[in-house]
Amino acid sequence: MFLLILLLYTIPYTQGRYVISVYGDVYNDKEFFSRVFPWIVDNIGGDISVDYYLLGSGRYSVPQMCALNEMKMNIFLQAQYLKCEAEGNPSDKCLCETGIDPEKYRICVQTKGSYAGMSSAKFSQLGLDISPVIEIGYKNTIFGVEDSWYLKKICTIFGDNPPRGCVKPFSCNNTNIESDRKGLAVYNCDKCHTSLAIDRSIELLIRNEDVHRTTVPTELEYTTGT
């Protein structure tokens, strides 16, 4: 009991949420950031906040941390962005889906090169030579475990009052099914309406052509217009 109380006192707590730290290279730790971390967030994202210390070259880790900082009020959006990056999608596509302010992002990337050094220094303090690592308290780290154990160990910070995601989590094997449906952070009404109008015009044109045809048109005729 004493150890549990001591553990809880060493875990940062802000705005009603426990704060954990994640260390890793998004492009090298692809499995973790594309599957495991989104699964963790799907389960307990509403009950935690995350400090990110991304490793690897500052050429990409600094822009990633700048983007994450702009999404700091929505951990689900952060996980979705990291999944997009880890899967090898173009960075501009991943950024566009977040809806963050491009100007704030640009200024951050231009002025926060120190993020790379800060992350490297924090990681060195752990005394580890492996990633990814999740830190849930002073010198209390999780690494090199089975996927489900990341969640189980994080859930110990909640003591006797764990959230539902700890008691009855989504199956880790079904993570792709749970996570592939993206949340919509930004949309373009004009673009949507234009696309819809074009689709309806094409549908009407095809119907009109069908009325005047005596033979069944081939797929080639639809695609080339010949």
C-alpha atoms as a PDB file:
ATOM      1  CA  MET A   1       0.000   0.000   0.000  1.00  0.00           C
ATOM      2  CA  PHE A   2       2.838   2.365   0.906  1.00  0.00           C
ATOM      3  CA  LEU A   3       4.556   1.656  -2.419  1.00  0.00           C
ATOM      4  CA  LEU A   4       1.345   2.401  -4.324  1.00  0.00           C
ATOM      5  CA  ILE A   5       0.931   5.736  -2.524  1.00  0.00           C
ATOM      6  CA  LEU A   6       4.582   6.577  -3.184  1.00  0.00           C
ATOM      7  CA  LEU A   7       4.143   5.724  -6.866  1.00  0.00           C
ATOM      8  CA  LEU A   8       1.097   7.957  -7.210  1.00  0.00           C
ATOM      9  CA  TYR A   9       2.940  10.877  -5.642  1.00  0.00           C
ATOM     10  CA  THR A  10       5.769  10.547  -8.190  1.00  0.00           C
ATOM     11  CA  ILE A  11       3.461  10.632 -11.225  1.00  0.00           C
ATOM     12  CA  PRO A  12       2.761  14.090 -12.672  1.00  0.00           C
ATOM     13  CA  TYR A  13      -0.913  15.038 -12.522  1.00  0.00           C
ATOM     14  CA  THR A  14      -2.477  17.936 -14.420  1.00  0.00           C
ATOM     15  CA  GLN A  15      -6.012  19.031 -15.302  1.00  0.00           C
ATOM     16  CA  GLY A  16      -7.500  15.849 -13.843  1.00  0.00           C
ATOM     17  CA  ARG A  17      -5.224  13.540 -15.837  1.00  0.00           C
ATOM     18  CA  TYR A  18      -2.075  11.593 -15.113  1.00  0.00           C
ATOM     19  CA  VAL A  19       0.866  12.592 -17.300  1.00  0.00           C
ATOM     20  CA  ILE A  20       3.033   9.907 -18.864  1.00  0.00           C
ATOM     21  CA  SER A  21       6.058  10.339 -21.117  1.00  0.00           C
ATOM     22  CA  VAL A  22       6.661   8.596 -24.434  1.00  0.00           C
ATOM     23  CA  TYR A  23      10.139   8.208 -25.925  1.00  0.00           C
ATOM     24  CA  GLY A  24      10.651   6.839 -29.423  1.00  0.00           C
ATOM     25  CA  ASP A  25      11.525   7.318 -33.070  1.00  0.00           C
ATOM     26  CA  VAL A  26       8.296   7.434 -35.074  1.00  0.00           C
ATOM     27  CA  TYR A  27       9.928   6.093 -38.238  1.00  0.00           C
ATOM     28  CA  ASN A  28      11.959   3.340 -36.564  1.00  0.00           C
ATOM     29  CA  ASP A  29       9.388   2.285 -33.964  1.00  0.00           C
ATOM     30  CA  LYS A  30       6.693   1.894 -36.603  1.00  0.00           C
ATOM     31  CA  GLU A  31       4.835  -0.976 -34.972  1.00  0.00           C
ATOM     32  CA  PHE A  32       4.475   0.907 -31.700  1.00  0.00           C
ATOM     33  CA  PHE A  33       3.318   4.220 -33.148  1.00  0.00           C
ATOM     34  CA  SER A  34       1.098   2.768 -35.871  1.00  0.00           C
ATOM     35  CA  ARG A  35      -0.636   0.118 -33.763  1.00  0.00           C
ATOM     36  CA  VAL A  36       0.210  -0.138 -30.044  1.00  0.00           C
ATOM     37  CA  PHE A  37       0.103   3.522 -29.026  1.00  0.00           C
ATOM     38  CA  PRO A  38      -3.175   4.241 -30.879  1.00  0.00           C
ATOM     39  CA  TRP A  39      -4.631   1.178 -29.132  1.00  0.00           C
ATOM     40  CA  ILE A  40      -3.538   2.493 -25.728  1.00  0.00           C
ATOM     41  CA  VAL A  41      -5.101   5.866 -26.502  1.00  0.00           C
ATOM     42  CA  ASP A  42      -8.315   4.252 -27.747  1.00  0.00           C
ATOM     43  CA  ASN A  43      -8.659   2.692 -24.307  1.00  0.00           C
ATOM     44  CA  ILE A  44      -7.519   5.354 -21.829  1.00  0.00           C
ATOM     45  CA  GLY A  45      -6.838   8.482 -23.885  1.00  0.00           C
ATOM     46  CA  GLY A  46      -9.472  10.437 -22.000  1.00  0.00           C
ATOM     47  CA  ASP A  47      -7.719   9.802 -18.684  1.00  0.00           C
ATOM     48  CA  ILE A  48      -4.076  10.626 -19.480  1.00  0.00           C
ATOM     49  CA  SER A  49      -1.909  13.335 -20.988  1.00  0.00           C
ATOM     50  CA  VAL A  50       1.342  12.603 -22.785  1.00  0.00           C
ATOM     51  CA  ASP A  51       4.680  14.368 -22.949  1.00  0.00           C
ATOM     52  CA  TYR A  52       6.487  13.350 -26.140  1.00  0.00           C
ATOM     53  CA  TYR A  53      10.266  13.085 -26.412  1.00  0.00           C
ATOM     54  CA  LEU A  54      10.786  11.976 -29.989  1.00  0.00           C
ATOM     55  CA  LEU A  55      14.120  10.550 -31.041  1.00  0.00           C
ATOM     56  CA  GLY A  56      15.900  10.260 -34.357  1.00  0.00           C
ATOM     57  CA  SER A  57      17.019  13.082 -36.602  1.00  0.00           C
ATOM     58  CA  GLY A  58      15.809  16.545 -35.681  1.00  0.00           C
ATOM     59  CA  ARG A  59      14.943  16.965 -39.353  1.00  0.00           C
ATOM     60  CA  TYR A  60      11.749  15.055 -38.705  1.00  0.00           C
ATOM     61  CA  SER A  61      11.450  14.782 -34.909  1.00  0.00           C
ATOM     62  CA  VAL A  62      11.276  18.570 -34.424  1.00  0.00           C
ATOM     63  CA  PRO A  63       8.424  19.041 -36.948  1.00  0.00           C
ATOM     64  CA  GLN A  64       6.614  16.089 -35.367  1.00  0.00           C
ATOM     65  CA  MET A  65       6.904  17.534 -31.863  1.00  0.00           C
ATOM     66  CA  CYS A  66       5.771  20.937 -33.126  1.00  0.00           C
ATOM     67  CA  ALA A  67       2.686  19.317 -34.637  1.00  0.00           C
ATOM     68  CA  LEU A  68       1.976  17.373 -31.440  1.00  0.00           C
ATOM     69  CA  ASN A  69       2.276  20.540 -29.377  1.00  0.00           C
ATOM     70  CA  GLU A  70      -0.474  22.153 -31.464  1.00  0.00           C
ATOM     71  CA  MET A  71      -2.698  19.148 -30.694  1.00  0.00           C
ATOM     72  CA  LYS A  72      -1.894  18.945 -26.980  1.00  0.00           C
ATOM     73  CA  MET A  73      -5.554  19.305 -25.980  1.00  0.00           C
ATOM     74  CA  ASN A  74      -6.572  16.188 -27.933  1.00  0.00           C
ATOM     75  CA  ILE A  75      -4.525  13.032 -27.376  1.00  0.00           C
ATOM     76  CA  PHE A  76      -6.726  11.093 -29.807  1.00  0.00           C
ATOM     77  CA  LEU A  77      -5.762  13.475 -32.598  1.00  0.00           C
ATOM     78  CA  GLN A  78      -2.113  13.145 -31.585  1.00  0.00           C
ATOM     79  CA  ALA A  79      -2.285   9.350 -31.808  1.00  0.00           C
ATOM     80  CA  GLN A  80      -4.006   9.557 -35.183  1.00  0.00           C
ATOM     81  CA  TYR A  81      -1.274  11.883 -36.477  1.00  0.00           C
ATOM     82  CA  LEU A  82       1.546   9.644 -35.210  1.00  0.00           C
ATOM     83  CA  LYS A  83      -0.106   6.599 -36.768  1.00  0.00           C
ATOM     84  CA  CYS A  84      -0.290   8.428 -40.095  1.00  0.00           C
ATOM     85  CA  GLU A  85       3.408   9.354 -39.893  1.00  0.00           C
ATOM     86  CA  ALA A  86       4.536   5.879 -38.800  1.00  0.00           C
ATOM     87  CA  GLU A  87       2.680   4.273 -41.694  1.00  0.00           C
ATOM     88  CA  GLY A  88       4.869   6.236 -44.105  1.00  0.00           C
ATOM     89  CA  ASN A  89       2.272   8.634 -45.461  1.00  0.00           C
ATOM     90  CA  PRO A  90       3.429  12.040 -46.775  1.00  0.00           C
ATOM     91  CA  SER A  91       3.888  14.409 -43.832  1.00  0.00           C
ATOM     92  CA  ASP A  92       1.818  17.151 -45.468  1.00  0.00           C
ATOM     93  CA  LYS A  93      -1.111  14.720 -45.735  1.00  0.00           C
ATOM     94  CA  CYS A  94      -0.813  13.793 -42.041  1.00  0.00           C
ATOM     95  CA  LEU A  95      -0.588  17.464 -41.048  1.00  0.00           C
ATOM     96  CA  CYS A  96      -3.535  18.461 -43.227  1.00  0.00           C
ATOM     97  CA  GLU A  97      -5.781  15.928 -41.499  1.00  0.00           C
ATOM     98  CA  THR A  98      -5.064  17.429 -38.070  1.00  0.00           C
ATOM     99  CA  GLY A  99      -6.491  20.872 -38.821  1.00  0.00           C
ATOM    100  CA  ILE A 100      -3.701  22.664 -36.912  1.00  0.00           C
ATOM    101  CA  ASP A 101      -2.711  26.246 -37.722  1.00  0.00           C
ATOM    102  CA  PRO A 102      -0.056  26.116 -40.506  1.00  0.00           C
ATOM    103  CA  GLU A 103       1.469  29.445 -39.443  1.00  0.00           C
ATOM    104  CA  LYS A 104       1.951  28.409 -35.805  1.00  0.00           C
ATOM    105  CA  TYR A 105       3.429  25.131 -37.011  1.00  0.00           C
ATOM    106  CA  ARG A 106       5.843  26.941 -39.350  1.00  0.00           C
ATOM    107  CA  ILE A 107       7.063  29.287 -36.626  1.00  0.00           C
ATOM    108  CA  CYS A 108       7.588  26.384 -34.228  1.00  0.00           C
ATOM    109  CA  VAL A 109       9.651  24.395 -36.732  1.00  0.00           C
ATOM    110  CA  GLN A 110      11.784  27.450 -37.479  1.00  0.00           C
ATOM    111  CA  THR A 111      12.435  28.344 -33.840  1.00  0.00           C
ATOM    112  CA  LYS A 112      12.297  25.124 -31.802  1.00  0.00           C
ATOM    113  CA  GLY A 113      15.288  23.161 -33.026  1.00  0.00           C
ATOM    114  CA  SER A 114      16.133  22.803 -29.333  1.00  0.00           C
ATOM    115  CA  TYR A 115      13.348  20.215 -29.040  1.00  0.00           C
ATOM    116  CA  ALA A 116      15.737  17.609 -30.489  1.00  0.00           C
ATOM    117  CA  GLY A 117      18.416  18.270 -27.871  1.00  0.00           C
ATOM    118  CA  MET A 118      15.876  18.327 -25.061  1.00  0.00           C
ATOM    119  CA  SER A 119      14.448  14.951 -26.108  1.00  0.00           C
ATOM    120  CA  SER A 120      17.906  13.431 -26.411  1.00  0.00           C
ATOM    121  CA  ALA A 121      18.896  14.716 -22.958  1.00  0.00           C
ATOM    122  CA  LYS A 122      15.711  13.399 -21.325  1.00  0.00           C
ATOM    123  CA  PHE A 123      16.195  10.009 -22.959  1.00  0.00           C
ATOM    124  CA  SER A 124      19.819   9.848 -21.783  1.00  0.00           C
ATOM    125  CA  GLN A 125      18.638  10.358 -18.201  1.00  0.00           C
ATOM    126  CA  LEU A 126      16.741   7.073 -18.423  1.00  0.00           C
ATOM    127  CA  GLY A 127      20.004   5.201 -18.929  1.00  0.00           C
ATOM    128  CA  LEU A 128      18.441   2.960 -21.572  1.00  0.00           C
ATOM    129  CA  ASP A 129      19.494   2.041 -25.086  1.00  0.00           C
ATOM    130  CA  ILE A 130      16.144   0.855 -26.406  1.00  0.00           C
ATOM    131  CA  SER A 131      12.959   2.422 -27.711  1.00  0.00           C
ATOM    132  CA  PRO A 132      10.071   2.906 -27.499  1.00  0.00           C
ATOM    133  CA  VAL A 133       9.867   3.627 -23.775  1.00  0.00           C
ATOM    134  CA  ILE A 134       6.910   4.789 -21.692  1.00  0.00           C
ATOM    135  CA  GLU A 135       7.671   6.496 -18.390  1.00  0.00           C
ATOM    136  CA  ILE A 136       4.882   6.499 -15.798  1.00  0.00           C
ATOM    137  CA  GLY A 137       6.799   7.973 -12.892  1.00  0.00           C
ATOM    138  CA  TYR A 138      10.294   8.755 -11.702  1.00  0.00           C
ATOM    139  CA  LYS A 139      12.523   5.926 -12.991  1.00  0.00           C
ATOM    140  CA  ASN A 140       9.424   3.799 -13.573  1.00  0.00           C
ATOM    141  CA  THR A 141       9.627   2.786 -17.218  1.00  0.00           C
ATOM    142  CA  ILE A 142       7.928   0.322 -19.553  1.00  0.00           C
ATOM    143  CA  PHE A 143       9.764  -1.138 -22.543  1.00  0.00           C
ATOM    144  CA  GLY A 144      10.321  -4.395 -24.397  1.00  0.00           C
ATOM    145  CA  VAL A 145       7.054  -5.981 -23.240  1.00  0.00           C
ATOM    146  CA  GLU A 146       4.164  -7.628 -25.058  1.00  0.00           C
ATOM    147  CA  ASP A 147       1.714  -5.130 -26.557  1.00  0.00           C
ATOM    148  CA  SER A 148      -1.015  -5.666 -23.969  1.00  0.00           C
ATOM    149  CA  TRP A 149       1.419  -5.159 -21.087  1.00  0.00           C
ATOM    150  CA  TYR A 150       2.011  -1.528 -22.008  1.00  0.00           C
ATOM    151  CA  LEU A 151      -1.612  -0.839 -21.159  1.00  0.00           C
ATOM    152  CA  LYS A 152      -1.644  -3.094 -18.089  1.00  0.00           C
ATOM    153  CA  LYS A 153       1.375  -1.371 -16.591  1.00  0.00           C
ATOM    154  CA  ILE A 154       0.107   2.130 -17.367  1.00  0.00           C
ATOM    155  CA  CYS A 155      -3.178   1.225 -15.692  1.00  0.00           C
ATOM    156  CA  THR A 156      -1.391   0.690 -12.369  1.00  0.00           C
ATOM    157  CA  ILE A 157      -1.178   4.479 -11.957  1.00  0.00           C
ATOM    158  CA  PHE A 158      -4.940   4.644 -11.406  1.00  0.00           C
ATOM    159  CA  GLY A 159      -4.823   2.503  -8.276  1.00  0.00           C
ATOM    160  CA  ASP A 160      -8.249   1.294  -7.116  1.00  0.00           C
ATOM    161  CA  ASN A 161     -10.155   3.536  -9.524  1.00  0.00           C
ATOM    162  CA  PRO A 162      -9.141   2.439 -13.033  1.00  0.00           C
ATOM    163  CA  PRO A 163     -11.000   3.759 -16.106  1.00  0.00           C
ATOM    164  CA  ARG A 164     -13.151   1.421 -18.180  1.00  0.00           C
ATOM    165  CA  GLY A 165     -10.381   1.031 -20.754  1.00  0.00           C
ATOM    166  CA  CYS A 166      -8.259  -0.687 -18.106  1.00  0.00           C
ATOM    167  CA  VAL A 167     -11.035  -2.973 -16.868  1.00  0.00           C
ATOM    168  CA  LYS A 168     -12.426  -3.958 -20.256  1.00  0.00           C
ATOM    169  CA  PRO A 169     -10.012  -2.856 -22.993  1.00  0.00           C
ATOM    170  CA  PHE A 170     -10.470  -3.288 -26.703  1.00  0.00           C
ATOM    171  CA  SER A 171      -8.753  -6.422 -27.965  1.00  0.00           C
ATOM    172  CA  CYS A 172      -5.221  -5.603 -29.042  1.00  0.00           C
ATOM    173  CA  ASN A 173      -5.631  -7.944 -32.016  1.00  0.00           C
ATOM    174  CA  ASN A 174      -8.487  -5.784 -33.283  1.00  0.00           C
ATOM    175  CA  THR A 175      -6.546  -2.530 -33.085  1.00  0.00           C
ATOM    176  CA  ASN A 176      -6.580  -1.932 -36.815  1.00  0.00           C
ATOM    177  CA  ILE A 177     -10.359  -2.237 -36.891  1.00  0.00           C
ATOM    178  CA  GLU A 178     -10.755   0.200 -34.008  1.00  0.00           C
ATOM    179  CA  SER A 179      -8.227   2.743 -35.251  1.00  0.00           C
ATOM    180  CA  ASP A 180      -8.572   2.846 -39.031  1.00  0.00           C
ATOM    181  CA  ARG A 181     -11.749   4.918 -38.817  1.00  0.00           C
ATOM    182  CA  LYS A 182     -10.296   8.420 -38.537  1.00  0.00           C
ATOM    183  CA  GLY A 183     -11.750  11.373 -36.714  1.00  0.00           C
ATOM    184  CA  LEU A 184     -12.457  14.416 -38.871  1.00  0.00           C
ATOM    185  CA  ALA A 185     -10.494  17.422 -37.608  1.00  0.00           C
ATOM    186  CA  VAL A 186     -10.910  19.698 -40.635  1.00  0.00           C
ATOM    187  CA  TYR A 187     -13.067  19.745 -43.730  1.00  0.00           C
ATOM    188  CA  ASN A 188     -13.628  21.922 -46.788  1.00  0.00           C
ATOM    189  CA  CYS A 189     -17.312  22.552 -47.491  1.00  0.00           C
ATOM    190  CA  ASP A 190     -16.660  24.109 -50.897  1.00  0.00           C
ATOM    191  CA  LYS A 191     -14.582  21.139 -51.973  1.00  0.00           C
ATOM    192  CA  CYS A 192     -17.200  18.682 -50.699  1.00  0.00           C
ATOM    193  CA  HIS A 193     -20.028  20.459 -52.491  1.00  0.00           C
ATOM    194  CA  THR A 194     -18.025  20.757 -55.707  1.00  0.00           C
ATOM    195  CA  SER A 195     -17.163  17.062 -55.701  1.00  0.00           C
ATOM    196  CA  LEU A 196     -20.789  16.143 -55.015  1.00  0.00           C
ATOM    197  CA  ALA A 197     -22.003  18.343 -57.875  1.00  0.00           C
ATOM    198  CA  ILE A 198     -19.497  16.768 -60.274  1.00  0.00           C
ATOM    199  CA  ASP A 199     -20.505  13.249 -59.228  1.00  0.00           C
ATOM    200  CA  ARG A 200     -24.188  14.049 -59.778  1.00  0.00           C
ATOM    201  CA  SER A 201     -23.484  15.625 -63.178  1.00  0.00           C
ATOM    202  CA  ILE A 202     -21.566  12.534 -64.296  1.00  0.00           C
ATOM    203  CA  GLU A 203     -24.361  10.275 -63.042  1.00  0.00           C
ATOM    204  CA  LEU A 204     -26.969  12.317 -64.936  1.00  0.00           C
ATOM    205  CA  LEU A 205     -24.848  12.307 -68.111  1.00  0.00           C
ATOM    206  CA  ILE A 206     -24.475   8.527 -67.991  1.00  0.00           C
ATOM    207  CA  ARG A 207     -28.224   8.071 -67.482  1.00  0.00           C
ATOM    208  CA  ASN A 208     -28.990  10.333 -70.443  1.00  0.00           C
ATOM    209  CA  GLU A 209     -26.534   8.430 -72.627  1.00  0.00           C
ATOM    210  CA  ASP A 210     -28.117   5.129 -71.606  1.00  0.00           C
ATOM    211  CA  VAL A 211     -31.499   6.314 -72.863  1.00  0.00           C
ATOM    212  CA  HIS A 212     -30.112   6.850 -76.379  1.00  0.00           C
ATOM    213  CA  ARG A 213     -27.961   3.717 -76.567  1.00  0.00           C
ATOM    214  CA  THR A 214     -29.145   0.451 -78.095  1.00  0.00           C
ATOM    215  CA  THR A 215     -26.137  -1.522 -76.873  1.00  0.00           C
ATOM    216  CA  VAL A 216     -24.634  -1.915 -73.438  1.00  0.00           C
ATOM    217  CA  PRO A 217     -21.654   0.462 -73.079  1.00  0.00           C
ATOM    218  CA  THR A 218     -18.340  -1.043 -72.083  1.00  0.00           C
ATOM    219  CA  GLU A 219     -16.182   0.053 -69.181  1.00  0.00           C
ATOM    220  CA  LEU A 220     -13.745   1.527 -71.699  1.00  0.00           C
ATOM    221  CA  GLU A 221     -16.468   3.766 -73.110  1.00  0.00           C
ATOM    222  CA  TYR A 222     -17.237   5.156 -69.642  1.00  0.00           C
ATOM    223  CA  THR A 223     -13.627   5.907 -68.815  1.00  0.00           C
ATOM    224  CA  THR A 224     -12.482   7.340 -72.143  1.00  0.00           C
ATOM    225  CA  GLY A 225     -15.695   8.797 -73.463  1.00  0.00           C
ATOM    226  CA  THR A 226     -15.200   7.186 -76.884  1.00  0.00           C
END
